[in-house]
Amino acid sequence: MSTVVIIVMVAIIIYLRECTSPGYEVPDGYLLVHDSTMQKFTEAAAAIPDTVYRDTGSTHITVEYRNRPIPVPVEVTPEKNFYHDSIKSDTLDFWIEAYVTGTLDKWNWFFDITKMTITNTVKIPAPYPVDVPVPVSKAGWYLSGGLGGTHTGKLGAGPRLDLITKEDRLYGASYTRIGSDNFYEFRFGTRIRF
């Protein structure tokens, strides 16, 4: 009767440890993601990077009046002088050319609107899926034998049968005959991780 009770208790312990545990555990340092999320990661990694352009052109021009010295004339003839002056900014290039013989003979003015484009390249880190082999433990049966004795000089020997599961749990049973006595043993264990 006691052997039946022990067998039932062993069956209950094995059921509670194995049948109620999750089938797969994600190893430390890894993340489990859905296939659709991994597909988005892959598409983002393969996408052509975007370049952002910022135009410095302005629709509003502010006029500032400043006291500037008159440009030094260049003598063309004893009676005619040539004047040149310019204003430059990051968006406007304006210059004039004037010919003066006491009065303004000729006035040319030119301008060029400069649109300076500053390119800011924004680097976005893109995830790349990498296949990493994850070691998976395999369940297996192990058969061994034991030999020992008591302090009274009795010799004992018998077979041992162990099952090591994928989760590195151990279930074992053994039979040992010591003299005229029979001993039955059930073992439970788990791997100690360092």
C-alpha atoms as a PDB file:
ATOM      1  CA  MET A   1       0.000   0.000   0.000  1.00  0.00           C
ATOM      2  CA  SER A   2       2.812   2.421   0.860  1.00  0.00           C
ATOM      3  CA  THR A   3       4.460   1.761  -2.517  1.00  0.00           C
ATOM      4  CA  VAL A   4       1.232   2.787  -4.296  1.00  0.00           C
ATOM      5  CA  VAL A   5       1.057   6.011  -2.276  1.00  0.00           C
ATOM      6  CA  ILE A   6       4.680   6.822  -3.146  1.00  0.00           C
ATOM      7  CA  ILE A   7       4.081   6.185  -6.864  1.00  0.00           C
ATOM      8  CA  VAL A   8       0.967   8.429  -6.829  1.00  0.00           C
ATOM      9  CA  MET A   9       2.900  11.205  -5.066  1.00  0.00           C
ATOM     10  CA  VAL A  10       5.714  10.935  -7.600  1.00  0.00           C
ATOM     11  CA  ALA A  11       3.210  11.159 -10.479  1.00  0.00           C
ATOM     12  CA  ILE A  12       1.596  14.272  -8.932  1.00  0.00           C
ATOM     13  CA  ILE A  13       4.966  15.989  -8.449  1.00  0.00           C
ATOM     14  CA  ILE A  14       6.013  15.246 -12.044  1.00  0.00           C
ATOM     15  CA  TYR A  15       2.664  16.569 -13.333  1.00  0.00           C
ATOM     16  CA  LEU A  16       2.917  19.792 -11.306  1.00  0.00           C
ATOM     17  CA  ARG A  17       6.477  20.441 -12.431  1.00  0.00           C
ATOM     18  CA  GLU A  18       6.252  19.501 -16.098  1.00  0.00           C
ATOM     19  CA  CYS A  19       2.663  19.891 -17.285  1.00  0.00           C
ATOM     20  CA  THR A  20       2.071  23.317 -15.750  1.00  0.00           C
ATOM     21  CA  SER A  21       5.357  24.905 -16.835  1.00  0.00           C
ATOM     22  CA  PRO A  22       5.652  27.004 -20.036  1.00  0.00           C
ATOM     23  CA  GLY A  23       6.846  25.161 -23.104  1.00  0.00           C
ATOM     24  CA  TYR A  24       9.512  27.705 -24.026  1.00  0.00           C
ATOM     25  CA  GLU A  25      11.426  30.373 -22.168  1.00  0.00           C
ATOM     26  CA  VAL A  26      13.172  33.291 -23.841  1.00  0.00           C
ATOM     27  CA  PRO A  27      16.874  33.259 -22.881  1.00  0.00           C
ATOM     28  CA  ASP A  28      18.292  36.209 -20.956  1.00  0.00           C
ATOM     29  CA  GLY A  29      19.375  39.069 -23.212  1.00  0.00           C
ATOM     30  CA  TYR A  30      16.920  38.150 -26.001  1.00  0.00           C
ATOM     31  CA  LEU A  31      13.520  39.539 -26.930  1.00  0.00           C
ATOM     32  CA  LEU A  32      10.663  37.602 -28.464  1.00  0.00           C
ATOM     33  CA  VAL A  33       8.759  39.619 -31.088  1.00  0.00           C
ATOM     34  CA  HIS A  34       5.831  38.852 -33.369  1.00  0.00           C
ATOM     35  CA  ASP A  35       6.446  38.041 -37.046  1.00  0.00           C
ATOM     36  CA  SER A  36       4.654  41.235 -38.168  1.00  0.00           C
ATOM     37  CA  THR A  37       6.883  43.353 -35.916  1.00  0.00           C
ATOM     38  CA  MET A  38      10.007  41.656 -37.266  1.00  0.00           C
ATOM     39  CA  GLN A  39       8.728  42.295 -40.815  1.00  0.00           C
ATOM     40  CA  LYS A  40       8.412  46.023 -40.014  1.00  0.00           C
ATOM     41  CA  PHE A  41      11.942  46.005 -38.598  1.00  0.00           C
ATOM     42  CA  THR A  42      13.216  44.359 -41.779  1.00  0.00           C
ATOM     43  CA  GLU A  43      11.409  46.877 -44.025  1.00  0.00           C
ATOM     44  CA  ALA A  44      12.734  49.798 -41.972  1.00  0.00           C
ATOM     45  CA  ALA A  45      16.275  48.450 -42.220  1.00  0.00           C
ATOM     46  CA  ALA A  46      16.017  48.053 -46.005  1.00  0.00           C
ATOM     47  CA  ALA A  47      14.331  51.436 -46.637  1.00  0.00           C
ATOM     48  CA  ILE A  48      16.205  54.240 -48.401  1.00  0.00           C
ATOM     49  CA  PRO A  49      17.120  56.937 -45.841  1.00  0.00           C
ATOM     50  CA  ASP A  50      15.258  60.237 -46.028  1.00  0.00           C
ATOM     51  CA  THR A  51      17.117  63.522 -46.540  1.00  0.00           C
ATOM     52  CA  VAL A  52      15.614  66.666 -45.048  1.00  0.00           C
ATOM     53  CA  TYR A  53      16.122  69.902 -47.004  1.00  0.00           C
ATOM     54  CA  ARG A  54      15.781  73.245 -45.300  1.00  0.00           C
ATOM     55  CA  ASP A  55      15.403  76.290 -47.589  1.00  0.00           C
ATOM     56  CA  THR A  56      16.774  79.543 -46.220  1.00  0.00           C
ATOM     57  CA  GLY A  57      14.814  81.684 -48.692  1.00  0.00           C
ATOM     58  CA  SER A  58      12.667  84.361 -47.081  1.00  0.00           C
ATOM     59  CA  THR A  59       9.520  86.047 -48.348  1.00  0.00           C
ATOM     60  CA  HIS A  60      10.033  89.021 -46.027  1.00  0.00           C
ATOM     61  CA  ILE A  61      13.021  91.312 -46.565  1.00  0.00           C
ATOM     62  CA  THR A  62      14.059  93.665 -43.801  1.00  0.00           C
ATOM     63  CA  VAL A  63      15.660  96.894 -44.988  1.00  0.00           C
ATOM     64  CA  GLU A  64      18.368  98.354 -42.796  1.00  0.00           C
ATOM     65  CA  TYR A  65      19.780 101.808 -43.436  1.00  0.00           C
ATOM     66  CA  ARG A  66      23.401 102.224 -42.480  1.00  0.00           C
ATOM     67  CA  ASN A  67      25.832 105.123 -42.789  1.00  0.00           C
ATOM     68  CA  ARG A  68      28.401 103.819 -45.197  1.00  0.00           C
ATOM     69  CA  PRO A  69      31.190 105.756 -46.827  1.00  0.00           C
ATOM     70  CA  ILE A  70      30.850 106.579 -50.506  1.00  0.00           C
ATOM     71  CA  PRO A  71      32.765 104.047 -52.600  1.00  0.00           C
ATOM     72  CA  VAL A  72      36.123 105.187 -53.915  1.00  0.00           C
ATOM     73  CA  PRO A  73      35.665 106.146 -57.578  1.00  0.00           C
ATOM     74  CA  VAL A  74      37.707 104.680 -60.372  1.00  0.00           C
ATOM     75  CA  GLU A  75      38.699 107.246 -62.952  1.00  0.00           C
ATOM     76  CA  VAL A  76      37.670 106.199 -66.443  1.00  0.00           C
ATOM     77  CA  THR A  77      38.537 109.529 -68.117  1.00  0.00           C
ATOM     78  CA  PRO A  78      39.497 112.859 -66.532  1.00  0.00           C
ATOM     79  CA  GLU A  79      35.829 113.820 -66.681  1.00  0.00           C
ATOM     80  CA  LYS A  80      34.163 110.396 -65.919  1.00  0.00           C
ATOM     81  CA  ASN A  81      34.328 108.268 -62.779  1.00  0.00           C
ATOM     82  CA  PHE A  82      33.133 104.713 -62.179  1.00  0.00           C
ATOM     83  CA  TYR A  83      31.528 103.653 -58.907  1.00  0.00           C
ATOM     84  CA  HIS A  84      30.828 100.103 -57.730  1.00  0.00           C
ATOM     85  CA  ASP A  85      29.047  99.024 -54.568  1.00  0.00           C
ATOM     86  CA  SER A  86      27.353  95.833 -53.355  1.00  0.00           C
ATOM     87  CA  ILE A  87      25.340  94.309 -50.548  1.00  0.00           C
ATOM     88  CA  LYS A  88      25.484  90.611 -49.800  1.00  0.00           C
ATOM     89  CA  SER A  89      23.565  88.412 -47.389  1.00  0.00           C
ATOM     90  CA  ASP A  90      22.786  84.749 -47.165  1.00  0.00           C
ATOM     91  CA  THR A  91      19.712  85.201 -49.372  1.00  0.00           C
ATOM     92  CA  LEU A  92      20.435  88.297 -51.501  1.00  0.00           C
ATOM     93  CA  ASP A  93      23.317  89.513 -53.638  1.00  0.00           C
ATOM     94  CA  PHE A  94      22.801  93.116 -54.886  1.00  0.00           C
ATOM     95  CA  TRP A  95      25.314  95.382 -56.636  1.00  0.00           C
ATOM     96  CA  ILE A  96      25.355  98.573 -58.677  1.00  0.00           C
ATOM     97  CA  GLU A  97      27.631 100.168 -61.250  1.00  0.00           C
ATOM     98  CA  ALA A  98      27.441 103.912 -61.877  1.00  0.00           C
ATOM     99  CA  TYR A  99      29.214 106.245 -64.298  1.00  0.00           C
ATOM    100  CA  VAL A 100      29.332 109.868 -63.202  1.00  0.00           C
ATOM    101  CA  THR A 101      30.549 113.002 -65.077  1.00  0.00           C
ATOM    102  CA  GLY A 102      29.303 115.582 -62.593  1.00  0.00           C
ATOM    103  CA  THR A 103      25.878 114.053 -63.092  1.00  0.00           C
ATOM    104  CA  LEU A 104      24.767 110.438 -63.216  1.00  0.00           C
ATOM    105  CA  ASP A 105      25.368 109.264 -66.786  1.00  0.00           C
ATOM    106  CA  LYS A 106      24.726 105.539 -66.484  1.00  0.00           C
ATOM    107  CA  TRP A 107      23.286 103.372 -63.722  1.00  0.00           C
ATOM    108  CA  ASN A 108      23.288  99.605 -63.808  1.00  0.00           C
ATOM    109  CA  TRP A 109      22.027  97.521 -60.966  1.00  0.00           C
ATOM    110  CA  PHE A 110      21.994  93.774 -60.633  1.00  0.00           C
ATOM    111  CA  PHE A 111      20.681  91.331 -58.094  1.00  0.00           C
ATOM    112  CA  ASP A 112      20.695  87.623 -57.468  1.00  0.00           C
ATOM    113  CA  ILE A 113      18.518  85.868 -54.912  1.00  0.00           C
ATOM    114  CA  THR A 114      20.584  83.169 -53.343  1.00  0.00           C
ATOM    115  CA  LYS A 115      18.747  80.170 -52.029  1.00  0.00           C
ATOM    116  CA  MET A 116      21.237  78.416 -49.925  1.00  0.00           C
ATOM    117  CA  THR A 117      20.118  74.897 -49.135  1.00  0.00           C
ATOM    118  CA  ILE A 118      21.420  73.310 -45.978  1.00  0.00           C
ATOM    119  CA  THR A 119      21.171  69.565 -46.003  1.00  0.00           C
ATOM    120  CA  ASN A 120      20.681  67.930 -42.630  1.00  0.00           C
ATOM    121  CA  THR A 121      21.143  64.195 -42.786  1.00  0.00           C
ATOM    122  CA  VAL A 122      19.313  62.526 -39.936  1.00  0.00           C
ATOM    123  CA  LYS A 123      20.720  59.126 -39.117  1.00  0.00           C
ATOM    124  CA  ILE A 124      18.099  56.756 -37.794  1.00  0.00           C
ATOM    125  CA  PRO A 125      19.403  53.506 -36.362  1.00  0.00           C
ATOM    126  CA  ALA A 126      17.790  50.657 -38.220  1.00  0.00           C
ATOM    127  CA  PRO A 127      17.395  47.249 -36.627  1.00  0.00           C
ATOM    128  CA  TYR A 128      18.792  44.323 -38.537  1.00  0.00           C
ATOM    129  CA  PRO A 129      17.492  40.880 -37.652  1.00  0.00           C
ATOM    130  CA  VAL A 130      20.292  38.487 -36.860  1.00  0.00           C
ATOM    131  CA  ASP A 131      19.799  34.751 -36.531  1.00  0.00           C
ATOM    132  CA  VAL A 132      21.359  33.690 -33.267  1.00  0.00           C
ATOM    133  CA  PRO A 133      21.511  29.985 -32.503  1.00  0.00           C
ATOM    134  CA  VAL A 134      19.949  29.344 -29.120  1.00  0.00           C
ATOM    135  CA  PRO A 135      21.095  26.157 -27.415  1.00  0.00           C
ATOM    136  CA  VAL A 136      18.156  23.933 -26.588  1.00  0.00           C
ATOM    137  CA  SER A 137      18.491  21.129 -24.102  1.00  0.00           C
ATOM    138  CA  LYS A 138      17.239  17.721 -25.189  1.00  0.00           C
ATOM    139  CA  ALA A 139      15.458  15.300 -22.949  1.00  0.00           C
ATOM    140  CA  GLY A 140      17.106  11.963 -22.409  1.00  0.00           C
ATOM    141  CA  TRP A 141      17.109   8.784 -20.382  1.00  0.00           C
ATOM    142  CA  TYR A 142      20.208   7.755 -18.435  1.00  0.00           C
ATOM    143  CA  LEU A 143      20.864   4.286 -17.036  1.00  0.00           C
ATOM    144  CA  SER A 144      23.484   3.787 -14.376  1.00  0.00           C
ATOM    145  CA  GLY A 145      24.410   1.466 -11.578  1.00  0.00           C
ATOM    146  CA  GLY A 146      25.291   2.008  -7.961  1.00  0.00           C
ATOM    147  CA  LEU A 147      27.570   0.128  -5.616  1.00  0.00           C
ATOM    148  CA  GLY A 148      28.031   0.892  -1.948  1.00  0.00           C
ATOM    149  CA  GLY A 149      27.889  -0.442   1.566  1.00  0.00           C
ATOM    150  CA  THR A 150      26.942   0.220   5.168  1.00  0.00           C
ATOM    151  CA  HIS A 151      29.087   0.801   8.229  1.00  0.00           C
ATOM    152  CA  THR A 152      28.231  -2.709   9.357  1.00  0.00           C
ATOM    153  CA  GLY A 153      29.894  -4.236   6.327  1.00  0.00           C
ATOM    154  CA  LYS A 154      26.807  -5.020   4.205  1.00  0.00           C
ATOM    155  CA  LEU A 155      27.294  -4.571   0.480  1.00  0.00           C
ATOM    156  CA  GLY A 156      24.595  -2.928  -1.643  1.00  0.00           C
ATOM    157  CA  ALA A 157      24.170  -2.652  -5.410  1.00  0.00           C
ATOM    158  CA  GLY A 158      21.449  -1.861  -7.912  1.00  0.00           C
ATOM    159  CA  PRO A 159      20.418  -0.114 -11.142  1.00  0.00           C
ATOM    160  CA  ARG A 160      19.371   3.543 -11.501  1.00  0.00           C
ATOM    161  CA  LEU A 161      17.227   5.114 -14.201  1.00  0.00           C
ATOM    162  CA  ASP A 162      17.126   8.903 -14.670  1.00  0.00           C
ATOM    163  CA  LEU A 163      15.172  11.198 -16.969  1.00  0.00           C
ATOM    164  CA  ILE A 164      16.623  14.661 -17.674  1.00  0.00           C
ATOM    165  CA  THR A 165      14.048  16.953 -19.335  1.00  0.00           C
ATOM    166  CA  LYS A 166      14.542  19.826 -21.777  1.00  0.00           C
ATOM    167  CA  GLU A 167      14.275  22.221 -18.844  1.00  0.00           C
ATOM    168  CA  ASP A 168      17.217  20.459 -17.152  1.00  0.00           C
ATOM    169  CA  ARG A 169      15.070  18.810 -14.512  1.00  0.00           C
ATOM    170  CA  LEU A 170      15.904  15.386 -13.227  1.00  0.00           C
ATOM    171  CA  TYR A 171      13.552  12.554 -12.285  1.00  0.00           C
ATOM    172  CA  GLY A 172      15.080   9.302 -11.216  1.00  0.00           C
ATOM    173  CA  ALA A 173      14.288   5.942  -9.705  1.00  0.00           C
ATOM    174  CA  SER A 174      16.618   3.361  -8.303  1.00  0.00           C
ATOM    175  CA  TYR A 175      16.571  -0.057  -6.745  1.00  0.00           C
ATOM    176  CA  THR A 176      19.207  -1.133  -4.252  1.00  0.00           C
ATOM    177  CA  ARG A 177      19.625  -4.529  -2.616  1.00  0.00           C
ATOM    178  CA  ILE A 178      21.510  -4.395   0.677  1.00  0.00           C
ATOM    179  CA  GLY A 179      21.876  -7.818   2.186  1.00  0.00           C
ATOM    180  CA  SER A 180      18.364  -9.246   2.287  1.00  0.00           C
ATOM    181  CA  ASP A 181      16.652  -5.809   2.205  1.00  0.00           C
ATOM    182  CA  ASN A 182      15.278  -4.079  -0.890  1.00  0.00           C
ATOM    183  CA  PHE A 183      15.318  -0.247  -1.137  1.00  0.00           C
ATOM    184  CA  TYR A 184      13.372   1.805  -3.683  1.00  0.00           C
ATOM    185  CA  GLU A 185      14.229   5.444  -4.227  1.00  0.00           C
ATOM    186  CA  PHE A 186      12.775   8.282  -6.281  1.00  0.00           C
ATOM    187  CA  ARG A 187      14.875  11.368  -6.991  1.00  0.00           C
ATOM    188  CA  PHE A 188      13.988  14.897  -8.110  1.00  0.00           C
ATOM    189  CA  GLY A 189      16.502  17.519  -9.150  1.00  0.00           C
ATOM    190  CA  THR A 190      17.132  20.621 -11.194  1.00  0.00           C
ATOM    191  CA  ARG A 191      20.198  22.132 -12.757  1.00  0.00           C
ATOM    192  CA  ILE A 192      22.045  24.711 -10.678  1.00  0.00           C
ATOM    193  CA  ARG A 193      22.970  27.626 -12.942  1.00  0.00           C
ATOM    194  CA  PHE A 194      26.089  29.690 -12.277  1.00  0.00           C
END
